[in-house]
């Protein structure tokens, strides 16, 4: 049975952007969101998985899931603290 993905309140497309741009866009988007809301971020950067894990550890936001799609896109679900 496939994992149930979080319902995103907002989505940002950071495909084609390399570190640190996806993280910077995420930071900016989270700043506009309410605590507990979920942001989905679409990335194609090979290091994004690790970057988002480190970002969430450092900022206290919660990385709910990282879901690969079949088109080389990794979707990160981040809950704002």
PDB file of N, CA and C in Angstrom:
ATOM      1  N   UNK A   1       0.844  -1.197   0.000  1.00  0.00           N
ATOM      2  CA  UNK A   1       0.000   0.000   0.000  1.00  0.00           C
ATOM      3  C   UNK A   1       0.880   1.248   0.000  1.00  0.00           C
ATOM      4  N   UNK A   2       0.655   2.216  -0.897  1.00  0.00           N
ATOM      5  CA  UNK A   2       1.507   3.410  -0.941  1.00  0.00           C
ATOM      6  C   UNK A   2       1.327   4.271   0.303  1.00  0.00           C
ATOM      7  N   UNK A   3       2.412   4.936   0.665  1.00  0.00           N
ATOM      8  CA  UNK A   3       2.368   5.813   1.832  1.00  0.00           C
ATOM      9  C   UNK A   3       1.448   6.998   1.554  1.00  0.00           C
ATOM     10  N   UNK A   4       0.660   7.349   2.545  1.00  0.00           N
ATOM     11  CA  UNK A   4      -0.240   8.509   2.425  1.00  0.00           C
ATOM     12  C   UNK A   4       0.606   9.778   2.551  1.00  0.00           C
ATOM     13  N   UNK A   5       0.599  10.602   1.520  1.00  0.00           N
ATOM     14  CA  UNK A   5       1.407  11.822   1.557  1.00  0.00           C
ATOM     15  C   UNK A   5       0.646  12.939   2.256  1.00  0.00           C
ATOM     16  N   UNK A   6       1.398  13.821   2.908  1.00  0.00           N
ATOM     17  CA  UNK A   6       0.745  14.944   3.596  1.00  0.00           C
ATOM     18  C   UNK A   6       0.009  15.845   2.602  1.00  0.00           C
ATOM     19  N   UNK A   7      -1.038  16.482   3.088  1.00  0.00           N
ATOM     20  CA  UNK A   7      -1.775  17.454   2.274  1.00  0.00           C
ATOM     21  C   UNK A   7      -1.029  18.781   2.367  1.00  0.00           C
ATOM     22  N   UNK A   8      -0.575  19.294   1.232  1.00  0.00           N
ATOM     23  CA  UNK A   8       0.193  20.537   1.246  1.00  0.00           C
ATOM     24  C   UNK A   8      -0.737  21.750   1.185  1.00  0.00           C
ATOM     25  N   UNK A   9      -0.438  22.738   2.013  1.00  0.00           N
ATOM     26  CA  UNK A   9      -1.178  24.005   1.989  1.00  0.00           C
ATOM     27  C   UNK A   9      -0.654  24.897   0.874  1.00  0.00           C
ATOM     28  N   UNK A  10       0.615  24.688   0.521  1.00  0.00           N
ATOM     29  CA  UNK A  10       1.242  25.506  -0.510  1.00  0.00           C
ATOM     30  C   UNK A  10       2.314  24.662  -1.187  1.00  0.00           C
ATOM     31  N   UNK A  11       2.591  24.974  -2.459  1.00  0.00           N
ATOM     32  CA  UNK A  11       3.628  24.242  -3.185  1.00  0.00           C
ATOM     33  C   UNK A  11       4.531  25.237  -3.881  1.00  0.00           C
ATOM     34  N   UNK A  12       5.838  24.985  -3.839  1.00  0.00           N
ATOM     35  CA  UNK A  12       6.747  25.806  -4.628  1.00  0.00           C
ATOM     36  C   UNK A  12       7.559  24.907  -5.553  1.00  0.00           C
ATOM     37  N   UNK A  13       7.815  25.413  -6.721  1.00  0.00           N
ATOM     38  CA  UNK A  13       8.539  24.675  -7.746  1.00  0.00           C
ATOM     39  C   UNK A  13       9.967  25.181  -7.801  1.00  0.00           C
ATOM     40  N   UNK A  14      10.908  24.362  -7.309  1.00  0.00           N
ATOM     41  CA  UNK A  14      12.322  24.740  -7.331  1.00  0.00           C
ATOM     42  C   UNK A  14      13.089  23.825  -8.285  1.00  0.00           C
ATOM     43  N   UNK A  15      12.381  23.264  -9.273  1.00  0.00           N
ATOM     44  CA  UNK A  15      13.029  22.386 -10.248  1.00  0.00           C
ATOM     45  C   UNK A  15      14.036  23.180 -11.077  1.00  0.00           C
ATOM     46  N   UNK A  16      15.189  22.568 -11.312  1.00  0.00           N
ATOM     47  CA  UNK A  16      16.217  23.221 -12.120  1.00  0.00           C
ATOM     48  C   UNK A  16      17.093  24.161 -11.314  1.00  0.00           C
ATOM     49  N   UNK A  17      16.767  24.371 -10.044  1.00  0.00           N
ATOM     50  CA  UNK A  17      17.575  25.246  -9.196  1.00  0.00           C
ATOM     51  C   UNK A  17      18.535  24.406  -8.362  1.00  0.00           C
ATOM     52  N   UNK A  18      19.748  24.926  -8.196  1.00  0.00           N
ATOM     53  CA  UNK A  18      20.727  24.219  -7.378  1.00  0.00           C
ATOM     54  C   UNK A  18      20.871  24.886  -6.026  1.00  0.00           C
ATOM     55  N   UNK A  19      21.410  24.125  -5.095  1.00  0.00           N
ATOM     56  CA  UNK A  19      21.643  24.595  -3.735  1.00  0.00           C
ATOM     57  C   UNK A  19      22.411  25.923  -3.790  1.00  0.00           C
ATOM     58  N   UNK A  20      22.083  26.908  -3.004  1.00  0.00           N
ATOM     59  CA  UNK A  20      21.114  26.888  -1.911  1.00  0.00           C
ATOM     60  C   UNK A  20      19.738  27.447  -2.286  1.00  0.00           C
ATOM     61  N   UNK A  21      19.470  27.650  -3.569  1.00  0.00           N
ATOM     62  CA  UNK A  21      18.218  28.313  -3.961  1.00  0.00           C
ATOM     63  C   UNK A  21      16.944  27.599  -3.505  1.00  0.00           C
ATOM     64  N   UNK A  22      16.837  26.260  -3.631  1.00  0.00           N
ATOM     65  CA  UNK A  22      15.598  25.623  -3.138  1.00  0.00           C
ATOM     66  C   UNK A  22      15.358  25.877  -1.650  1.00  0.00           C
ATOM     67  N   UNK A  23      16.430  25.849  -0.860  1.00  0.00           N
ATOM     68  CA  UNK A  23      16.310  26.094   0.582  1.00  0.00           C
ATOM     69  C   UNK A  23      15.913  27.556   0.838  1.00  0.00           C
ATOM     70  N   UNK A  24      16.513  28.474   0.116  1.00  0.00           N
ATOM     71  CA  UNK A  24      16.191  29.897   0.307  1.00  0.00           C
ATOM     72  C   UNK A  24      14.732  30.170  -0.041  1.00  0.00           C
ATOM     73  N   UNK A  25      14.252  29.571  -1.119  1.00  0.00           N
ATOM     74  CA  UNK A  25      12.833  29.747  -1.493  1.00  0.00           C
ATOM     75  C   UNK A  25      11.920  29.122  -0.449  1.00  0.00           C
ATOM     76  N   UNK A  26      12.348  27.985   0.093  1.00  0.00           N
ATOM     77  CA  UNK A  26      11.568  27.302   1.137  1.00  0.00           C
ATOM     78  C   UNK A  26      11.478  28.175   2.371  1.00  0.00           C
ATOM     79  N   UNK A  27      12.616  28.734   2.773  1.00  0.00           N
ATOM     80  CA  UNK A  27      12.681  29.599   3.954  1.00  0.00           C
ATOM     81  C   UNK A  27      11.729  30.791   3.797  1.00  0.00           C
ATOM     82  N   UNK A  28      11.767  31.401   2.610  1.00  0.00           N
ATOM     83  CA  UNK A  28      10.928  32.562   2.318  1.00  0.00           C
ATOM     84  C   UNK A  28       9.435  32.188   2.367  1.00  0.00           C
ATOM     85  N   UNK A  29       9.091  31.042   1.766  1.00  0.00           N
ATOM     86  CA  UNK A  29       7.691  30.600   1.732  1.00  0.00           C
ATOM     87  C   UNK A  29       7.201  30.258   3.138  1.00  0.00           C
ATOM     88  N   UNK A  30       8.038  29.568   3.924  1.00  0.00           N
ATOM     89  CA  UNK A  30       7.637  29.179   5.282  1.00  0.00           C
ATOM     90  C   UNK A  30       7.391  30.414   6.152  1.00  0.00           C
ATOM     91  N   UNK A  31       8.158  31.473   5.914  1.00  0.00           N
ATOM     92  CA  UNK A  31       8.015  32.698   6.703  1.00  0.00           C
ATOM     93  C   UNK A  31       6.628  33.318   6.528  1.00  0.00           C
ATOM     94  N   UNK A  32       5.981  33.052   5.389  1.00  0.00           N
ATOM     95  CA  UNK A  32       4.652  33.605   5.106  1.00  0.00           C
ATOM     96  C   UNK A  32       3.524  32.693   5.593  1.00  0.00           C
ATOM     97  N   UNK A  33       3.884  31.503   6.063  1.00  0.00           N
ATOM     98  CA  UNK A  33       2.871  30.508   6.415  1.00  0.00           C
ATOM     99  C   UNK A  33       2.606  30.475   7.919  1.00  0.00           C
ATOM    100  N   UNK A  34       1.468  29.904   8.283  1.00  0.00           N
ATOM    101  CA  UNK A  34       1.095  29.748   9.689  1.00  0.00           C
ATOM    102  C   UNK A  34       1.771  28.503  10.250  1.00  0.00           C
ATOM    103  N   UNK A  35       1.983  28.494  11.560  1.00  0.00           N
ATOM    104  CA  UNK A  35       2.542  27.325  12.219  1.00  0.00           C
ATOM    105  C   UNK A  35       1.642  26.112  11.971  1.00  0.00           C
ATOM    106  N   UNK A  36       2.248  24.975  11.612  1.00  0.00           N
ATOM    107  CA  UNK A  36       1.486  23.760  11.368  1.00  0.00           C
ATOM    108  C   UNK A  36       1.103  23.546   9.910  1.00  0.00           C
ATOM    109  N   UNK A  37       1.215  24.594   9.084  1.00  0.00           N
ATOM    110  CA  UNK A  37       0.897  24.421   7.664  1.00  0.00           C
ATOM    111  C   UNK A  37       2.014  23.643   6.968  1.00  0.00           C
ATOM    112  N   UNK A  38       1.664  23.005   5.859  1.00  0.00           N
ATOM    113  CA  UNK A  38       2.616  22.153   5.147  1.00  0.00           C
ATOM    114  C   UNK A  38       2.966  22.748   3.787  1.00  0.00           C
ATOM    115  N   UNK A  39       4.263  22.765   3.506  1.00  0.00           N
ATOM    116  CA  UNK A  39       4.782  23.266   2.235  1.00  0.00           C
ATOM    117  C   UNK A  39       5.355  22.086   1.454  1.00  0.00           C
ATOM    118  N   UNK A  40       4.976  21.949   0.195  1.00  0.00           N
ATOM    119  CA  UNK A  40       5.568  20.948  -0.692  1.00  0.00           C
ATOM    120  C   UNK A  40       6.550  21.675  -1.606  1.00  0.00           C
ATOM    121  N   UNK A  41       7.763  21.141  -1.704  1.00  0.00           N
ATOM    122  CA  UNK A  41       8.792  21.759  -2.539  1.00  0.00           C
ATOM    123  C   UNK A  41       9.267  20.742  -3.572  1.00  0.00           C
ATOM    124  N   UNK A  42       9.172  21.105  -4.848  1.00  0.00           N
ATOM    125  CA  UNK A  42       9.620  20.230  -5.931  1.00  0.00           C
ATOM    126  C   UNK A  42      11.050  20.591  -6.300  1.00  0.00           C
ATOM    127  N   UNK A  43      11.946  19.603  -6.240  1.00  0.00           N
ATOM    128  CA  UNK A  43      13.360  19.859  -6.554  1.00  0.00           C
ATOM    129  C   UNK A  43      13.898  18.813  -7.523  1.00  0.00           C
ATOM    130  N   UNK A  44      14.966  19.208  -8.234  1.00  0.00           N
ATOM    131  CA  UNK A  44      15.680  18.276  -9.109  1.00  0.00           C
ATOM    132  C   UNK A  44      17.165  18.231  -8.744  1.00  0.00           C
ATOM    133  N   UNK A  45      17.604  19.048  -7.804  1.00  0.00           N
ATOM    134  CA  UNK A  45      18.998  19.062  -7.367  1.00  0.00           C
ATOM    135  C   UNK A  45      19.331  17.740  -6.672  1.00  0.00           C
ATOM    136  N   UNK A  46      20.423  17.118  -7.078  1.00  0.00           N
ATOM    137  CA  UNK A  46      20.813  15.809  -6.537  1.00  0.00           C
ATOM    138  C   UNK A  46      21.050  15.836  -5.026  1.00  0.00           C
ATOM    139  N   UNK A  47      21.425  16.990  -4.483  1.00  0.00           N
ATOM    140  CA  UNK A  47      21.739  17.087  -3.052  1.00  0.00           C
ATOM    141  C   UNK A  47      20.569  17.581  -2.206  1.00  0.00           C
ATOM    142  N   UNK A  48      19.441  17.830  -2.847  1.00  0.00           N
ATOM    143  CA  UNK A  48      18.308  18.442  -2.140  1.00  0.00           C
ATOM    144  C   UNK A  48      17.811  17.597  -0.972  1.00  0.00           C
ATOM    145  N   UNK A  49      17.806  16.287  -1.118  1.00  0.00           N
ATOM    146  CA  UNK A  49      17.328  15.424  -0.040  1.00  0.00           C
ATOM    147  C   UNK A  49      18.076  15.683   1.252  1.00  0.00           C
ATOM    148  N   UNK A  50      19.388  15.677   1.157  1.00  0.00           N
ATOM    149  CA  UNK A  50      20.254  15.936   2.312  1.00  0.00           C
ATOM    150  C   UNK A  50      20.092  17.373   2.805  1.00  0.00           C
ATOM    151  N   UNK A  51      20.015  18.298   1.865  1.00  0.00           N
ATOM    152  CA  UNK A  51      19.896  19.719   2.222  1.00  0.00           C
ATOM    153  C   UNK A  51      18.631  19.977   3.042  1.00  0.00           C
ATOM    154  N   UNK A  52      17.511  19.380   2.629  1.00  0.00           N
ATOM    155  CA  UNK A  52      16.254  19.598   3.337  1.00  0.00           C
ATOM    156  C   UNK A  52      16.282  18.948   4.716  1.00  0.00           C
ATOM    157  N   UNK A  53      16.937  17.792   4.830  1.00  0.00           N
ATOM    158  CA  UNK A  53      17.063  17.148   6.141  1.00  0.00           C
ATOM    159  C   UNK A  53      17.843  18.049   7.091  1.00  0.00           C
ATOM    160  N   UNK A  54      18.959  18.589   6.614  1.00  0.00           N
ATOM    161  CA  UNK A  54      19.787  19.466   7.440  1.00  0.00           C
ATOM    162  C   UNK A  54      19.048  20.758   7.778  1.00  0.00           C
ATOM    163  N   UNK A  55      18.358  21.335   6.785  1.00  0.00           N
ATOM    164  CA  UNK A  55      17.609  22.573   6.999  1.00  0.00           C
ATOM    165  C   UNK A  55      16.563  22.393   8.100  1.00  0.00           C
ATOM    166  N   UNK A  56      15.826  21.298   8.045  1.00  0.00           N
ATOM    167  CA  UNK A  56      14.776  21.077   9.038  1.00  0.00           C
ATOM    168  C   UNK A  56      15.356  20.824  10.429  1.00  0.00           C
ATOM    169  N   UNK A  57      16.468  20.107  10.498  1.00  0.00           N
ATOM    170  CA  UNK A  57      17.117  19.894  11.798  1.00  0.00           C
ATOM    171  C   UNK A  57      17.562  21.224  12.395  1.00  0.00           C
ATOM    172  N   UNK A  58      18.108  22.096  11.561  1.00  0.00           N
ATOM    173  CA  UNK A  58      18.637  23.373  12.045  1.00  0.00           C
ATOM    174  C   UNK A  58      17.540  24.368  12.409  1.00  0.00           C
ATOM    175  N   UNK A  59      16.398  24.303  11.717  1.00  0.00           N
ATOM    176  CA  UNK A  59      15.374  25.334  11.907  1.00  0.00           C
ATOM    177  C   UNK A  59      14.218  24.892  12.791  1.00  0.00           C
ATOM    178  N   UNK A  60      14.115  23.587  13.063  1.00  0.00           N
ATOM    179  CA  UNK A  60      13.015  23.108  13.893  1.00  0.00           C
ATOM    180  C   UNK A  60      11.726  22.876  13.117  1.00  0.00           C
ATOM    181  N   UNK A  61      11.754  23.100  11.799  1.00  0.00           N
ATOM    182  CA  UNK A  61      10.606  22.734  10.974  1.00  0.00           C
ATOM    183  C   UNK A  61      10.639  21.212  10.813  1.00  0.00           C
ATOM    184  N   UNK A  62       9.506  20.615  10.482  1.00  0.00           N
ATOM    185  CA  UNK A  62       9.426  19.156  10.445  1.00  0.00           C
ATOM    186  C   UNK A  62       9.365  18.660   9.006  1.00  0.00           C
ATOM    187  N   UNK A  63      10.314  17.790   8.663  1.00  0.00           N
ATOM    188  CA  UNK A  63      10.318  17.169   7.348  1.00  0.00           C
ATOM    189  C   UNK A  63       9.417  15.941   7.430  1.00  0.00           C
ATOM    190  N   UNK A  64       8.214  16.070   6.871  1.00  0.00           N
ATOM    191  CA  UNK A  64       7.223  15.002   6.975  1.00  0.00           C
ATOM    192  C   UNK A  64       7.514  13.847   6.027  1.00  0.00           C
ATOM    193  N   UNK A  65       7.966  14.162   4.818  1.00  0.00           N
ATOM    194  CA  UNK A  65       8.219  13.133   3.812  1.00  0.00           C
ATOM    195  C   UNK A  65       9.076  13.702   2.692  1.00  0.00           C
ATOM    196  N   UNK A  66       9.781  12.815   2.018  1.00  0.00           N
ATOM    197  CA  UNK A  66      10.513  13.149   0.793  1.00  0.00           C
ATOM    198  C   UNK A  66      10.104  12.077  -0.209  1.00  0.00           C
ATOM    199  N   UNK A  67       9.371  12.487  -1.223  1.00  0.00           N
ATOM    200  CA  UNK A  67       8.764  11.532  -2.143  1.00  0.00           C
ATOM    201  C   UNK A  67       9.347  11.691  -3.544  1.00  0.00           C
ATOM    202  N   UNK A  68      10.088  10.676  -4.030  1.00  0.00           N
ATOM    203  CA  UNK A  68      10.567  10.765  -5.415  1.00  0.00           C
ATOM    204  C   UNK A  68       9.414  10.561  -6.390  1.00  0.00           C
ATOM    205  N   UNK A  69       9.436  11.314  -7.466  1.00  0.00           N
ATOM    206  CA  UNK A  69       8.463  11.101  -8.541  1.00  0.00           C
ATOM    207  C   UNK A  69       9.215  10.449  -9.693  1.00  0.00           C
ATOM    208  N   UNK A  70       8.495   9.932 -10.646  1.00  0.00           N
ATOM    209  CA  UNK A  70       9.157   9.181 -11.721  1.00  0.00           C
ATOM    210  C   UNK A  70       9.870  10.062 -12.752  1.00  0.00           C
ATOM    211  N   UNK A  71       9.821  11.376 -12.570  1.00  0.00           N
ATOM    212  CA  UNK A  71      10.452  12.277 -13.550  1.00  0.00           C
ATOM    213  C   UNK A  71      11.678  12.981 -12.959  1.00  0.00           C
ATOM    214  N   UNK A  72      12.423  12.291 -12.090  1.00  0.00           N
ATOM    215  CA  UNK A  72      13.650  12.822 -11.475  1.00  0.00           C
ATOM    216  C   UNK A  72      13.370  13.996 -10.532  1.00  0.00           C
ATOM    217  N   UNK A  73      12.125  14.130 -10.112  1.00  0.00           N
ATOM    218  CA  UNK A  73      11.758  15.195  -9.183  1.00  0.00           C
ATOM    219  C   UNK A  73      11.605  14.586  -7.793  1.00  0.00           C
ATOM    220  N   UNK A  74      12.136  15.286  -6.795  1.00  0.00           N
ATOM    221  CA  UNK A  74      11.954  14.880  -5.408  1.00  0.00           C
ATOM    222  C   UNK A  74      11.055  15.928  -4.751  1.00  0.00           C
ATOM    223  N   UNK A  75       9.973  15.467  -4.118  1.00  0.00           N
ATOM    224  CA  UNK A  75       9.040  16.386  -3.465  1.00  0.00           C
ATOM    225  C   UNK A  75       9.270  16.293  -1.956  1.00  0.00           C
ATOM    226  N   UNK A  76       9.529  17.445  -1.346  1.00  0.00           N
ATOM    227  CA  UNK A  76       9.777  17.527   0.097  1.00  0.00           C
ATOM    228  C   UNK A  76       8.544  18.140   0.751  1.00  0.00           C
ATOM    229  N   UNK A  77       8.066  17.523   1.813  1.00  0.00           N
ATOM    230  CA  UNK A  77       6.918  18.034   2.555  1.00  0.00           C
ATOM    231  C   UNK A  77       7.417  18.546   3.906  1.00  0.00           C
ATOM    232  N   UNK A  78       7.320  19.849   4.103  1.00  0.00           N
ATOM    233  CA  UNK A  78       7.852  20.483   5.308  1.00  0.00           C
ATOM    234  C   UNK A  78       6.709  21.134   6.095  1.00  0.00           C
ATOM    235  N   UNK A  79       6.579  20.765   7.366  1.00  0.00           N
ATOM    236  CA  UNK A  79       5.574  21.404   8.226  1.00  0.00           C
ATOM    237  C   UNK A  79       6.244  22.540   8.979  1.00  0.00           C
ATOM    238  N   UNK A  80       5.621  23.716   8.892  1.00  0.00           N
ATOM    239  CA  UNK A  80       6.186  24.877   9.582  1.00  0.00           C
ATOM    240  C   UNK A  80       6.037  24.709  11.080  1.00  0.00           C
ATOM    241  N   UNK A  81       7.100  25.049  11.799  1.00  0.00           N
ATOM    242  CA  UNK A  81       7.085  24.909  13.261  1.00  0.00           C
ATOM    243  C   UNK A  81       6.204  25.959  13.903  1.00  0.00           C
TER     244      UNK A  81
END
